[in-house]
């Protein structure tokens, strides 16, 4: 399994826009907030590994 790193750029209702921080990319990934840790807020750093997000 690969590991990806993201930063929460914005939160819009039940969804969050994530930007990859481990590679150079301007693309945003739309993710349901139910899949993210409850403490997630704008600017939070996240690690995606083994199909799960965790705060870093």
C-alpha atoms as a PDB file:
ATOM      1  CA  UNK A   1       0.000   0.000   0.000  1.00  0.00           C
ATOM      2  CA  UNK A   2       1.143   3.507  -0.769  1.00  0.00           C
ATOM      3  CA  UNK A   3       1.082   6.426   1.649  1.00  0.00           C
ATOM      4  CA  UNK A   4      -0.208   9.852   0.592  1.00  0.00           C
ATOM      5  CA  UNK A   5      -0.047  13.174   2.439  1.00  0.00           C
ATOM      6  CA  UNK A   6      -2.704  15.879   2.174  1.00  0.00           C
ATOM      7  CA  UNK A   7      -3.659  19.248   3.593  1.00  0.00           C
ATOM      8  CA  UNK A   8      -7.293  20.269   4.048  1.00  0.00           C
ATOM      9  CA  UNK A   9      -7.753  23.322   1.818  1.00  0.00           C
ATOM     10  CA  UNK A  10     -11.434  23.945   2.500  1.00  0.00           C
ATOM     11  CA  UNK A  11     -14.530  22.387   4.027  1.00  0.00           C
ATOM     12  CA  UNK A  12     -17.871  22.675   2.278  1.00  0.00           C
ATOM     13  CA  UNK A  13     -20.694  21.089   4.258  1.00  0.00           C
ATOM     14  CA  UNK A  14     -20.194  17.326   4.365  1.00  0.00           C
ATOM     15  CA  UNK A  15     -17.134  17.389   2.094  1.00  0.00           C
ATOM     16  CA  UNK A  16     -13.528  18.515   2.354  1.00  0.00           C
ATOM     17  CA  UNK A  17     -11.136  19.525  -0.433  1.00  0.00           C
ATOM     18  CA  UNK A  18      -7.697  17.978   0.029  1.00  0.00           C
ATOM     19  CA  UNK A  19      -4.455  18.952  -1.695  1.00  0.00           C
ATOM     20  CA  UNK A  20      -1.508  16.551  -2.013  1.00  0.00           C
ATOM     21  CA  UNK A  21       1.564  17.789  -0.185  1.00  0.00           C
ATOM     22  CA  UNK A  22       3.975  14.944  -0.931  1.00  0.00           C
ATOM     23  CA  UNK A  23       4.101  15.762  -4.660  1.00  0.00           C
ATOM     24  CA  UNK A  24       3.791  18.928  -6.745  1.00  0.00           C
ATOM     25  CA  UNK A  25       0.102  19.087  -7.719  1.00  0.00           C
ATOM     26  CA  UNK A  26      -2.624  21.723  -7.957  1.00  0.00           C
ATOM     27  CA  UNK A  27      -5.408  19.129  -8.141  1.00  0.00           C
ATOM     28  CA  UNK A  28      -7.893  18.907  -5.279  1.00  0.00           C
ATOM     29  CA  UNK A  29      -9.500  15.715  -4.025  1.00  0.00           C
ATOM     30  CA  UNK A  30     -13.084  15.883  -2.757  1.00  0.00           C
ATOM     31  CA  UNK A  31     -13.574  13.604   0.263  1.00  0.00           C
ATOM     32  CA  UNK A  32     -16.614  13.001   2.466  1.00  0.00           C
ATOM     33  CA  UNK A  33     -15.955  14.344   5.976  1.00  0.00           C
ATOM     34  CA  UNK A  34     -17.332  11.097   7.417  1.00  0.00           C
ATOM     35  CA  UNK A  35     -14.119   9.425   6.189  1.00  0.00           C
ATOM     36  CA  UNK A  36     -11.893  11.943   7.996  1.00  0.00           C
ATOM     37  CA  UNK A  37     -11.027  12.143  11.716  1.00  0.00           C
ATOM     38  CA  UNK A  38     -13.609  14.223  13.656  1.00  0.00           C
ATOM     39  CA  UNK A  39     -11.006  16.864  14.630  1.00  0.00           C
ATOM     40  CA  UNK A  40     -10.262  17.675  10.969  1.00  0.00           C
ATOM     41  CA  UNK A  41     -10.403  21.391  10.129  1.00  0.00           C
ATOM     42  CA  UNK A  42      -9.061  23.700   7.421  1.00  0.00           C
ATOM     43  CA  UNK A  43      -5.268  23.520   7.360  1.00  0.00           C
ATOM     44  CA  UNK A  44      -5.094  20.087   8.997  1.00  0.00           C
ATOM     45  CA  UNK A  45      -2.387  17.757   7.704  1.00  0.00           C
ATOM     46  CA  UNK A  46      -3.561  14.241   6.885  1.00  0.00           C
ATOM     47  CA  UNK A  47      -1.895  10.942   6.071  1.00  0.00           C
ATOM     48  CA  UNK A  48      -3.766   8.403   3.916  1.00  0.00           C
ATOM     49  CA  UNK A  49      -2.540   4.866   4.464  1.00  0.00           C
ATOM     50  CA  UNK A  50      -4.252   1.472   4.393  1.00  0.00           C
ATOM     51  CA  UNK A  51      -7.559   3.058   3.253  1.00  0.00           C
ATOM     52  CA  UNK A  52      -7.688   5.329   6.324  1.00  0.00           C
ATOM     53  CA  UNK A  53      -6.988   9.020   7.015  1.00  0.00           C
ATOM     54  CA  UNK A  54      -5.124  10.099  10.145  1.00  0.00           C
ATOM     55  CA  UNK A  55      -4.033  13.529  11.394  1.00  0.00           C
ATOM     56  CA  UNK A  56      -0.309  14.289  11.325  1.00  0.00           C
END
